[in-house]
Amino acid sequence: SRPPNRIRAQVDNNDTYTISTSLDDSSYNLFWTIPMVAGSGLRWRDSDIITSTPTRYIKINVVNGDGSYSASEIELYNNGTKLGP
């Protein structure tokens, strides 16, 4: 399978999140830090193209924000092709 090199995420606007990836569900590496954006509610964010890393698991973590956290969708891509269902 092709490893991801870009992520789209729909998360709450005024919070910061991280996406980490792993092959073994034990050792995770930071893939992308999702920044806060203007507006209110759930907002889409797109990562830049990132060096592909073989990935089997992904994890999202909250870094900081207002205490009301929400993530509704995470999409992984490889060179413009959506991976997974």
N, C-alpha and C. Protein backbone atom coordinates (compact mmCIF):
# COMPACT_ATOMS: atom_id res chain seq x y z
N SER A 1 0.84 -1.19 0.00
CA SER A 1 0.00 0.00 0.00
C SER A 1 0.88 1.25 0.00
N ARG A 2 0.31 2.34 -0.42
CA ARG A 2 1.04 3.61 -0.49
C ARG A 2 0.96 4.35 0.84
N PRO A 3 2.07 4.91 1.31
CA PRO A 3 2.05 5.66 2.57
C PRO A 3 1.47 7.06 2.36
N PRO A 4 0.86 7.64 3.40
CA PRO A 4 0.32 8.99 3.27
C PRO A 4 1.43 10.04 3.17
N ASN A 5 1.13 11.11 2.41
CA ASN A 5 2.05 12.25 2.38
C ASN A 5 1.29 13.57 2.53
N ARG A 6 0.00 13.47 2.82
CA ARG A 6 -0.82 14.65 3.08
C ARG A 6 -2.03 14.22 3.91
N ILE A 7 -2.49 15.10 4.80
CA ILE A 7 -3.66 14.82 5.63
C ILE A 7 -4.60 16.00 5.57
N ARG A 8 -5.91 15.69 5.52
CA ARG A 8 -6.97 16.69 5.69
C ARG A 8 -7.68 16.32 6.98
N ALA A 9 -8.00 17.32 7.79
CA ALA A 9 -8.68 17.06 9.05
C ALA A 9 -9.75 18.11 9.29
N GLN A 10 -10.92 17.64 9.74
CA GLN A 10 -11.98 18.56 10.16
C GLN A 10 -12.05 18.49 11.67
N VAL A 11 -11.57 19.56 12.30
CA VAL A 11 -11.50 19.64 13.76
C VAL A 11 -11.98 21.01 14.22
N ASP A 12 -12.21 21.13 15.52
CA ASP A 12 -12.68 22.39 16.09
C ASP A 12 -11.69 23.52 15.79
N ASN A 13 -12.22 24.69 15.48
CA ASN A 13 -11.42 25.81 14.97
C ASN A 13 -10.38 26.36 15.94
N ASN A 14 -10.71 26.45 17.23
CA ASN A 14 -9.83 27.17 18.15
C ASN A 14 -9.02 26.24 19.06
N ASP A 15 -8.64 25.09 18.50
CA ASP A 15 -7.82 24.12 19.21
C ASP A 15 -6.65 23.70 18.32
N THR A 16 -5.58 23.25 18.95
CA THR A 16 -4.43 22.71 18.22
C THR A 16 -4.35 21.21 18.49
N TYR A 17 -4.13 20.44 17.44
CA TYR A 17 -4.04 18.98 17.52
C TYR A 17 -2.75 18.52 16.86
N THR A 18 -2.34 17.29 17.17
CA THR A 18 -1.25 16.66 16.43
C THR A 18 -1.75 15.34 15.85
N ILE A 19 -1.21 15.00 14.69
CA ILE A 19 -1.43 13.70 14.08
C ILE A 19 -0.09 12.98 14.09
N SER A 20 -0.08 11.78 14.66
CA SER A 20 1.13 10.96 14.70
C SER A 20 0.86 9.65 13.99
N THR A 21 1.91 9.03 13.45
CA THR A 21 1.76 7.78 12.70
C THR A 21 2.68 6.72 13.27
N SER A 22 2.31 5.46 13.01
CA SER A 22 3.08 4.33 13.52
C SER A 22 2.90 3.12 12.62
N LEU A 23 3.88 2.24 12.62
CA LEU A 23 3.76 0.94 11.96
C LEU A 23 3.33 -0.14 12.94
N ASP A 24 3.65 0.03 14.24
CA ASP A 24 3.45 -1.04 15.21
C ASP A 24 2.49 -0.70 16.36
N ASP A 25 1.87 0.47 16.35
CA ASP A 25 0.96 0.93 17.40
C ASP A 25 1.68 1.06 18.76
N SER A 26 3.00 1.17 18.71
CA SER A 26 3.77 1.33 19.93
C SER A 26 4.62 2.59 19.88
N SER A 27 5.36 2.74 18.81
CA SER A 27 6.24 3.90 18.62
C SER A 27 5.62 4.83 17.58
N TYR A 28 5.25 6.05 17.99
CA TYR A 28 4.60 7.02 17.10
C TYR A 28 5.54 8.18 16.78
N ASN A 29 5.42 8.68 15.55
CA ASN A 29 6.18 9.85 15.11
C ASN A 29 5.22 10.95 14.68
N LEU A 30 5.55 12.17 15.04
CA LEU A 30 4.72 13.32 14.65
C LEU A 30 4.68 13.44 13.13
N PHE A 31 3.49 13.53 12.58
CA PHE A 31 3.30 13.71 11.14
C PHE A 31 2.94 15.15 10.83
N TRP A 32 2.03 15.74 11.65
CA TRP A 32 1.54 17.08 11.37
C TRP A 32 0.95 17.69 12.63
N THR A 33 1.18 18.98 12.84
CA THR A 33 0.51 19.74 13.90
C THR A 33 -0.59 20.55 13.23
N ILE A 34 -1.83 20.33 13.65
CA ILE A 34 -3.00 21.01 13.08
C ILE A 34 -3.19 22.32 13.84
N PRO A 35 -3.07 23.45 13.15
CA PRO A 35 -3.15 24.74 13.83
C PRO A 35 -4.58 25.22 14.08
N MET A 36 -4.71 26.19 14.97
CA MET A 36 -5.98 26.90 15.16
C MET A 36 -6.26 27.74 13.92
N VAL A 37 -7.56 27.98 13.65
CA VAL A 37 -7.95 28.86 12.53
C VAL A 37 -9.09 29.77 12.99
N ALA A 38 -9.35 30.81 12.20
CA ALA A 38 -10.45 31.74 12.49
C ALA A 38 -11.79 31.06 12.20
N GLY A 39 -12.85 31.69 12.68
CA GLY A 39 -14.19 31.17 12.49
C GLY A 39 -14.64 30.43 13.73
N SER A 40 -15.74 29.72 13.61
CA SER A 40 -16.23 28.95 14.75
C SER A 40 -16.66 27.57 14.29
N GLY A 41 -16.59 26.62 15.22
CA GLY A 41 -17.03 25.26 14.93
C GLY A 41 -15.98 24.45 14.18
N LEU A 42 -16.44 23.35 13.59
CA LEU A 42 -15.54 22.46 12.86
C LEU A 42 -15.08 23.11 11.57
N ARG A 43 -13.77 23.06 11.31
CA ARG A 43 -13.18 23.65 10.11
C ARG A 43 -12.17 22.67 9.51
N TRP A 44 -12.16 22.59 8.17
CA TRP A 44 -11.19 21.76 7.47
C TRP A 44 -9.83 22.43 7.47
N ARG A 45 -8.78 21.61 7.66
CA ARG A 45 -7.40 22.04 7.50
C ARG A 45 -6.68 21.03 6.64
N ASP A 46 -5.76 21.51 5.79
CA ASP A 46 -4.96 20.65 4.93
C ASP A 46 -3.49 20.80 5.27
N SER A 47 -2.81 19.66 5.41
CA SER A 47 -1.37 19.73 5.62
C SER A 47 -0.70 20.02 4.29
N ASP A 48 0.53 20.48 4.35
CA ASP A 48 1.35 20.55 3.15
C ASP A 48 1.72 19.12 2.78
N ILE A 49 2.31 18.94 1.61
CA ILE A 49 2.84 17.63 1.25
C ILE A 49 4.02 17.34 2.18
N ILE A 50 3.98 16.21 2.81
CA ILE A 50 4.98 15.81 3.79
C ILE A 50 5.68 14.56 3.25
N THR A 51 6.91 14.34 3.62
CA THR A 51 7.62 13.14 3.20
C THR A 51 6.82 11.91 3.61
N SER A 52 6.58 11.02 2.66
CA SER A 52 5.82 9.80 2.93
C SER A 52 6.50 8.95 3.99
N THR A 53 5.69 8.43 4.89
CA THR A 53 6.17 7.55 5.94
C THR A 53 5.29 6.31 5.97
N PRO A 54 5.86 5.11 5.88
CA PRO A 54 5.01 3.91 5.99
C PRO A 54 4.18 3.98 7.27
N THR A 55 2.89 3.75 7.13
CA THR A 55 1.95 3.96 8.23
C THR A 55 0.90 2.85 8.28
N ARG A 56 0.65 2.35 9.47
CA ARG A 56 -0.45 1.42 9.68
C ARG A 56 -1.47 1.99 10.65
N TYR A 57 -1.01 2.83 11.59
CA TYR A 57 -1.87 3.43 12.61
C TYR A 57 -1.70 4.94 12.61
N ILE A 58 -2.78 5.66 12.90
CA ILE A 58 -2.68 7.09 13.13
C ILE A 58 -3.33 7.42 14.47
N LYS A 59 -2.85 8.50 15.07
CA LYS A 59 -3.38 8.92 16.38
C LYS A 59 -3.51 10.43 16.35
N ILE A 60 -4.62 10.94 16.89
CA ILE A 60 -4.80 12.38 17.01
C ILE A 60 -4.78 12.73 18.50
N ASN A 61 -4.06 13.79 18.84
CA ASN A 61 -3.97 14.27 20.22
C ASN A 61 -4.27 15.76 20.27
N VAL A 62 -4.85 16.18 21.37
CA VAL A 62 -5.08 17.60 21.62
C VAL A 62 -3.83 18.19 22.24
N VAL A 63 -3.39 19.34 21.71
CA VAL A 63 -2.23 20.03 22.28
C VAL A 63 -2.71 21.13 23.22
N ASN A 64 -3.62 21.97 22.74
CA ASN A 64 -4.21 23.01 23.59
C ASN A 64 -5.46 23.56 22.93
N GLY A 65 -6.19 24.35 23.70
CA GLY A 65 -7.42 24.94 23.19
C GLY A 65 -8.34 25.38 24.31
N ASP A 66 -9.63 25.43 23.99
CA ASP A 66 -10.60 25.98 24.94
C ASP A 66 -11.27 24.93 25.83
N GLY A 67 -10.90 23.67 25.69
CA GLY A 67 -11.50 22.62 26.52
C GLY A 67 -12.68 21.94 25.85
N SER A 68 -13.19 22.47 24.76
CA SER A 68 -14.27 21.85 24.00
C SER A 68 -13.68 21.35 22.68
N TYR A 69 -13.23 20.10 22.67
CA TYR A 69 -12.50 19.55 21.53
C TYR A 69 -13.42 18.70 20.67
N SER A 70 -13.18 18.74 19.37
CA SER A 70 -13.97 17.93 18.46
C SER A 70 -13.19 17.66 17.19
N ALA A 71 -13.23 16.41 16.75
CA ALA A 71 -12.65 16.00 15.47
C ALA A 71 -13.69 15.13 14.78
N SER A 72 -14.07 15.48 13.56
CA SER A 72 -15.11 14.70 12.89
C SER A 72 -14.59 13.85 11.75
N GLU A 73 -13.54 14.29 11.05
CA GLU A 73 -13.01 13.51 9.93
C GLU A 73 -11.51 13.71 9.80
N ILE A 74 -10.84 12.63 9.48
CA ILE A 74 -9.41 12.65 9.17
C ILE A 74 -9.26 11.89 7.85
N GLU A 75 -8.65 12.51 6.84
CA GLU A 75 -8.45 11.87 5.55
C GLU A 75 -6.96 11.83 5.24
N LEU A 76 -6.47 10.68 4.79
CA LEU A 76 -5.07 10.53 4.41
C LEU A 76 -4.99 10.42 2.89
N TYR A 77 -3.96 11.05 2.32
CA TYR A 77 -3.76 11.06 0.87
C TYR A 77 -2.32 10.71 0.52
N ASN A 78 -2.16 10.15 -0.68
CA ASN A 78 -0.84 9.96 -1.27
C ASN A 78 -0.89 10.54 -2.66
N ASN A 79 -0.17 11.63 -2.87
CA ASN A 79 -0.12 12.32 -4.18
C ASN A 79 -1.51 12.56 -4.77
N GLY A 80 -2.41 13.05 -3.93
CA GLY A 80 -3.75 13.41 -4.38
C GLY A 80 -4.77 12.29 -4.35
N THR A 81 -4.36 11.06 -4.11
CA THR A 81 -5.29 9.93 -4.04
C THR A 81 -5.64 9.64 -2.59
N LYS A 82 -6.94 9.64 -2.29
CA LYS A 82 -7.39 9.37 -0.93
C LYS A 82 -7.12 7.90 -0.60
N LEU A 83 -6.56 7.67 0.60
CA LEU A 83 -6.26 6.33 1.04
C LEU A 83 -7.36 5.83 1.95
N GLY A 84 -7.64 4.55 1.90
CA GLY A 84 -8.65 3.95 2.78
C GLY A 84 -10.06 4.22 2.32
N PRO A 85 -11.02 3.84 3.18
CA PRO A 85 -12.44 3.98 2.79
C PRO A 85 -12.89 5.42 2.72
